[in-house]
Structure formats: C-alpha cells, structure tokens
Amino acid sequence: MPELADFETRIGYHFQRRELLTRALTHKSYSHEAKAGDVRDNETFEFLGDSVLGFVIGDVLFHRFPALDEGALSKMKAYLVSATSLAAKARLYGMGDVILLGVGEEKSGGRKKDSLLANLFEALIAGVYLDGGIMPARHLIERSFVHDLASLNTEDLLFHDYKTALQELAQGKGLPLPDYSVVGENGPDHDKRFTVEVRVGDHRARGEGSSKKEAQQQAAKHALDAFGE
C-alpha cells in the first residue's frame, strides 16, 4: 500500500515485517467487522507500547535531569505521556489517515478522537519495537518528543497539576476550595472544546481545552497567575 510507505517515511522507520505495522494500525472495531476471522487488533500492542514508551521517557528524564527527585521526574513523565500529548504526536504523523477502522467508529469521527489516537501512537511504538528492537523504538520516541523535552521548565514542575496547586493556595489563604463549572462547549462531538470557570472566593478565571479535565487545569493555571503565583 503506497500510503503505508509514505507513512513509514514520515515516522522515519521502514518495517521489515509489514504485518506488524498493519496490526499496529488495526482498531478493534475493524477486526470485529472483518470477514476474515484472523484479523487481529492492536490492543495488546497498546499495552506493550505503553511500557516501552514509559521506560524510554523515564530513562531520558533520569539522565537529562539527574538532580531532580522522584516526584519531579514523575510529574514530567506524566505530562509528556498524557493522552493529549500522545494524540498530538499521532496527528503530527498523520496516523488518523492510515488507521483501519470499523464503519461505526469511522462515522463517529474516530480518526480525530484523542483517546483513539493516543492508543494508536502507543501501538505504533510496540510495532517498531517488535520489528526492530529497542533502539529503533527509542529513536522514534526521542524524535517525537524532542521539542517537548527541550521546552520543559524545571522551575515549573506544577505544569500538569495546577488544580492541586490552586487548592493548596486557597487553603493556605483561608479561602473556599476552588469550584469548577463548565460554561461553554463548542465543536462537533469528536472534536469538542470546553470552557471551564473556576471560582475561589471572589476570584474567577476561565480555561479552555479539548476535555473538561484539561479546561479545568487551564482555568486553575489562570487563577494561579491572577494570584501572582
């Protein structure tokens, strides 16, 4: 398939066993609808890819930031391998264009769903690992995260958990605990944007994101900025 050859060029790795790439790109909805009973989906690839990705990112962070403690490294790792982050990597490589989907998942906009794309990226990592070993998988991961790693700010280790930071700030100032509410939703079901408002006493701030959780974090971040933290 020419589109797979183009995809391999985009990710910078050419498979020796093309069937591994095909399986990495096969969503369970496709395998369930396939007439041939031997079509296998990528769910176990997701499991393996998650482990390989976690190991490589952990190793990179351990060596890049030798002075940081476990808590700081864990926060960085969680931020880097979040579903939103992995979905962005999948989009960068055009993975939504080559995934094999069932009819129902196709109609519901599966090619653009963050959760599906994040799992797909993990499955790809597993496919590369099974085909070529740990070094090709590591090279793909390092290329994919090079800009993320370069932009990490060791002075801002609350970047993925602003909600906790805001709660602690409110408690320290004797204020009511933060109260979050969704004040807006825009876009189709497969590509929604949420707006959340947080209230802390008389203070209010808003944030946006592709999920309610992300929007809450952004709202908390803006509230912290307003408090001068």
Protein backbone atom coordinates (compact mmCIF):
# COMPACT_ATOMS: atom_id res chain seq x y z
CA MET A 1 0.00 0.00 0.00
CA PRO A 2 1.62 3.29 -1.09
CA GLU A 3 0.06 5.23 1.80
CA LEU A 4 1.86 2.96 4.29
CA ALA A 5 5.18 3.56 2.54
CA ASP A 6 4.57 7.30 2.84
CA PHE A 7 3.66 6.84 6.49
CA GLU A 8 6.89 4.94 7.15
CA THR A 9 8.80 7.83 5.63
CA ARG A 10 7.01 10.27 7.93
CA ILE A 11 7.90 8.32 11.06
CA GLY A 12 11.45 7.66 9.86
CA TYR A 13 11.25 3.88 10.13
CA HIS A 14 10.62 1.22 7.47
CA PHE A 15 9.26 -2.10 8.68
CA GLN A 16 10.91 -5.38 7.81
CA ARG A 17 7.66 -7.15 8.70
CA ARG A 18 4.87 -5.05 7.28
CA GLU A 19 2.25 -7.19 9.06
CA LEU A 20 3.41 -5.68 12.36
CA LEU A 21 2.67 -2.19 11.08
CA THR A 22 -0.73 -3.31 9.78
CA ARG A 23 -1.66 -4.78 13.14
CA ALA A 24 -0.46 -1.68 14.99
CA LEU A 25 -2.88 0.34 12.86
CA THR A 26 -5.86 -2.03 13.25
CA HIS A 27 -8.52 -0.78 15.66
CA LYS A 28 -10.71 -3.35 17.38
CA SER A 29 -13.78 -2.02 15.56
CA TYR A 30 -12.17 -3.07 12.25
CA SER A 31 -11.16 -6.54 13.40
CA HIS A 32 -14.66 -7.16 14.80
CA GLU A 33 -16.23 -6.36 11.43
CA ALA A 34 -13.64 -8.12 9.28
CA LYS A 35 -14.99 -11.06 7.29
CA ALA A 36 -11.74 -12.96 7.75
CA GLY A 37 -11.58 -14.31 11.28
CA ASP A 38 -7.82 -13.98 11.63
CA VAL A 39 -7.65 -10.16 11.63
CA ARG A 40 -6.12 -9.15 14.97
CA ASP A 41 -6.45 -5.71 16.54
CA ASN A 42 -3.81 -3.56 18.21
CA GLU A 43 -4.98 -3.64 21.84
CA THR A 44 -2.12 -5.78 23.14
CA PHE A 45 0.25 -3.61 21.09
CA GLU A 46 -1.07 -0.62 23.04
CA PHE A 47 -0.19 -2.41 26.29
CA LEU A 48 3.36 -3.16 25.15
CA GLY A 49 3.86 0.26 23.59
CA ASP A 50 2.81 1.98 26.80
CA SER A 51 5.52 0.06 28.67
CA VAL A 52 8.23 0.77 26.09
CA LEU A 53 7.28 4.45 25.95
CA GLY A 54 7.28 4.77 29.74
CA PHE A 55 10.68 3.12 30.01
CA VAL A 56 12.33 5.29 27.34
CA ILE A 57 10.85 8.56 28.60
CA GLY A 58 11.81 7.63 32.16
CA ASP A 59 15.36 6.82 31.09
CA VAL A 60 15.69 10.07 29.13
CA LEU A 61 14.40 12.16 32.05
CA PHE A 62 16.61 10.32 34.56
CA HIS A 63 19.75 11.15 32.60
CA ARG A 64 18.73 14.63 31.48
CA PHE A 65 17.73 15.86 34.96
CA PRO A 66 19.99 13.96 37.39
CA ALA A 67 19.44 16.48 40.21
CA LEU A 68 15.64 16.17 40.30
CA ASP A 69 13.84 13.93 42.77
CA GLU A 70 11.38 11.14 42.01
CA GLY A 71 8.33 13.37 42.44
CA ALA A 72 9.52 15.94 39.92
CA LEU A 73 10.53 13.29 37.39
CA SER A 74 7.18 11.55 37.79
CA LYS A 75 5.32 14.80 37.11
CA MET A 76 7.38 15.40 33.98
CA LYS A 77 6.79 11.88 32.75
CA ALA A 78 3.03 12.07 33.35
CA TYR A 79 2.89 15.36 31.46
CA LEU A 80 4.86 14.03 28.48
CA VAL A 81 2.92 10.77 28.04
CA SER A 82 -0.58 12.17 28.66
CA ALA A 83 -3.30 11.21 26.19
CA THR A 84 -3.39 14.78 24.85
CA SER A 85 0.35 14.72 24.21
CA LEU A 86 0.33 11.32 22.50
CA ALA A 87 -2.66 12.25 20.35
CA ALA A 88 -0.74 15.30 19.16
CA LYS A 89 2.16 13.05 18.11
CA ALA A 90 -0.22 10.78 16.22
CA ARG A 91 -1.70 13.76 14.38
CA LEU A 92 1.76 15.03 13.51
CA TYR A 93 2.48 11.75 11.72
CA GLY A 94 -0.94 11.62 10.07
CA MET A 95 -1.88 8.41 11.87
CA GLY A 96 -5.57 9.21 11.62
CA ASP A 97 -5.28 8.82 7.86
CA VAL A 98 -3.90 5.28 7.94
CA ILE A 99 -5.73 3.64 10.85
CA LEU A 100 -8.05 0.75 9.98
CA LEU A 101 -11.47 1.48 11.49
CA GLY A 102 -14.85 -0.21 11.52
CA VAL A 103 -17.80 1.50 9.86
CA GLY A 104 -19.39 2.70 13.10
CA GLU A 105 -16.17 4.12 14.51
CA GLU A 106 -15.48 5.78 11.16
CA LYS A 107 -18.88 7.51 11.18
CA SER A 108 -18.43 8.73 14.75
CA GLY A 109 -15.21 10.57 13.86
CA GLY A 110 -12.78 8.01 15.26
CA ARG A 111 -9.90 9.30 13.16
CA LYS A 112 -9.88 12.51 15.21
CA LYS A 113 -10.52 11.19 18.74
CA ASP A 114 -7.73 11.95 21.23
CA SER A 115 -8.12 8.69 23.13
CA LEU A 116 -8.03 6.58 19.98
CA LEU A 117 -5.05 8.44 18.52
CA ALA A 118 -3.11 8.23 21.78
CA ASN A 119 -3.62 4.46 21.89
CA LEU A 120 -2.63 4.26 18.25
CA PHE A 121 0.67 6.01 18.92
CA GLU A 122 1.44 3.52 21.69
CA ALA A 123 0.60 0.62 19.35
CA LEU A 124 2.99 2.05 16.76
CA ILE A 125 5.80 2.15 19.32
CA ALA A 126 5.16 -1.54 20.04
CA GLY A 127 5.17 -2.37 16.34
CA VAL A 128 8.54 -0.70 15.84
CA TYR A 129 9.91 -2.42 18.95
CA LEU A 130 8.75 -5.86 17.81
CA ASP A 131 10.09 -5.31 14.31
CA GLY A 132 13.46 -3.75 15.03
CA GLY A 133 14.13 -3.87 18.76
CA ILE A 134 14.53 -1.21 21.40
CA MET A 135 16.89 1.15 19.56
CA PRO A 136 14.58 1.98 16.61
CA ALA A 137 11.71 2.40 19.08
CA ARG A 138 13.86 4.68 21.24
CA HIS A 139 14.90 6.76 18.23
CA LEU A 140 11.27 7.24 17.19
CA ILE A 141 10.27 8.26 20.71
CA GLU A 142 13.18 10.69 21.09
CA ARG A 143 12.42 12.29 17.71
CA SER A 144 8.75 12.59 18.62
CA PHE A 145 9.42 14.27 21.96
CA VAL A 146 12.48 16.36 21.11
CA HIS A 147 10.61 19.69 21.24
CA ASP A 148 8.63 18.72 24.35
CA LEU A 149 11.80 17.79 26.19
CA ALA A 150 13.56 20.97 25.12
CA SER A 151 10.69 23.13 26.40
CA LEU A 152 10.40 21.50 29.85
CA ASN A 153 10.81 24.08 32.59
CA THR A 154 12.31 22.57 35.74
CA GLU A 155 11.26 25.70 37.66
CA ASP A 156 7.60 25.00 36.87
CA LEU A 157 7.01 21.42 38.00
CA LEU A 158 3.32 22.07 38.63
CA PHE A 159 2.62 22.31 34.90
CA HIS A 160 0.36 19.25 34.82
CA ASP A 161 -1.37 19.67 38.18
CA TYR A 162 -2.45 23.29 38.55
CA LYS A 163 -5.68 22.16 40.25
CA THR A 164 -3.79 20.75 43.24
CA ALA A 165 -1.62 23.85 43.43
CA LEU A 166 -4.70 26.11 43.41
CA GLN A 167 -6.41 24.06 46.10
CA GLU A 168 -3.33 24.27 48.33
CA LEU A 169 -3.12 28.01 47.71
CA ALA A 170 -6.78 28.51 48.63
CA GLN A 171 -6.36 26.51 51.83
CA GLY A 172 -3.26 28.47 52.75
CA LYS A 173 -5.13 31.76 52.32
CA GLY A 174 -8.21 30.56 54.22
CA LEU A 175 -10.38 30.76 51.09
CA PRO A 176 -13.14 28.36 49.99
CA LEU A 177 -11.98 25.41 47.91
CA PRO A 178 -11.99 26.02 44.14
CA ASP A 179 -15.34 25.40 42.45
CA TYR A 180 -15.30 24.40 38.75
CA SER A 181 -18.17 24.65 36.29
CA VAL A 182 -18.46 24.13 32.54
CA VAL A 183 -19.64 27.39 30.96
CA GLY A 184 -19.24 26.53 27.28
CA GLU A 185 -18.97 23.70 24.75
CA ASN A 186 -18.15 24.20 21.09
CA GLY A 187 -17.50 21.97 18.08
CA PRO A 188 -18.71 18.53 16.94
CA ASP A 189 -18.77 15.55 19.30
CA HIS A 190 -15.46 14.17 18.01
CA ASP A 191 -13.63 17.50 18.32
CA LYS A 192 -15.22 19.42 21.20
CA ARG A 193 -13.69 22.38 23.02
CA PHE A 194 -14.74 23.03 26.60
CA THR A 195 -14.64 26.27 28.58
CA VAL A 196 -14.49 25.94 32.37
CA GLU A 197 -14.74 28.66 35.01
CA VAL A 198 -13.18 28.28 38.44
CA ARG A 199 -14.24 30.33 41.45
CA VAL A 200 -12.13 30.80 44.55
CA GLY A 201 -13.94 33.18 46.85
CA ASP A 202 -14.37 36.40 44.87
CA HIS A 203 -11.81 35.36 42.26
CA ARG A 204 -12.79 33.87 38.90
CA ALA A 205 -10.78 32.55 35.99
CA ARG A 206 -11.51 30.60 32.82
CA GLY A 207 -9.70 28.00 30.78
CA GLU A 208 -10.24 26.06 27.57
CA GLY A 209 -9.30 22.55 26.47
CA SER A 210 -10.22 19.52 24.38
CA SER A 211 -11.57 17.85 27.54
CA LYS A 212 -13.22 19.10 30.71
CA LYS A 213 -10.19 17.98 32.69
CA GLU A 214 -7.78 19.94 30.50
CA ALA A 215 -10.02 23.01 30.64
CA GLN A 216 -10.09 22.78 34.46
CA GLN A 217 -6.30 22.67 34.56
CA GLN A 218 -6.06 25.73 32.34
CA ALA A 219 -8.61 27.59 34.46
CA ALA A 220 -6.63 26.72 37.58
CA LYS A 221 -3.43 27.94 35.90
CA HIS A 222 -5.00 31.29 35.05
CA ALA A 223 -6.31 31.60 38.60
CA LEU A 224 -2.81 30.98 39.96
CA ASP A 225 -1.46 33.64 37.60
CA ALA A 226 -4.06 36.08 38.91
CA PHE A 227 -2.96 35.36 42.48
CA GLY A 228 0.62 36.11 41.45
CA GLU A 229 1.85 32.56 41.98
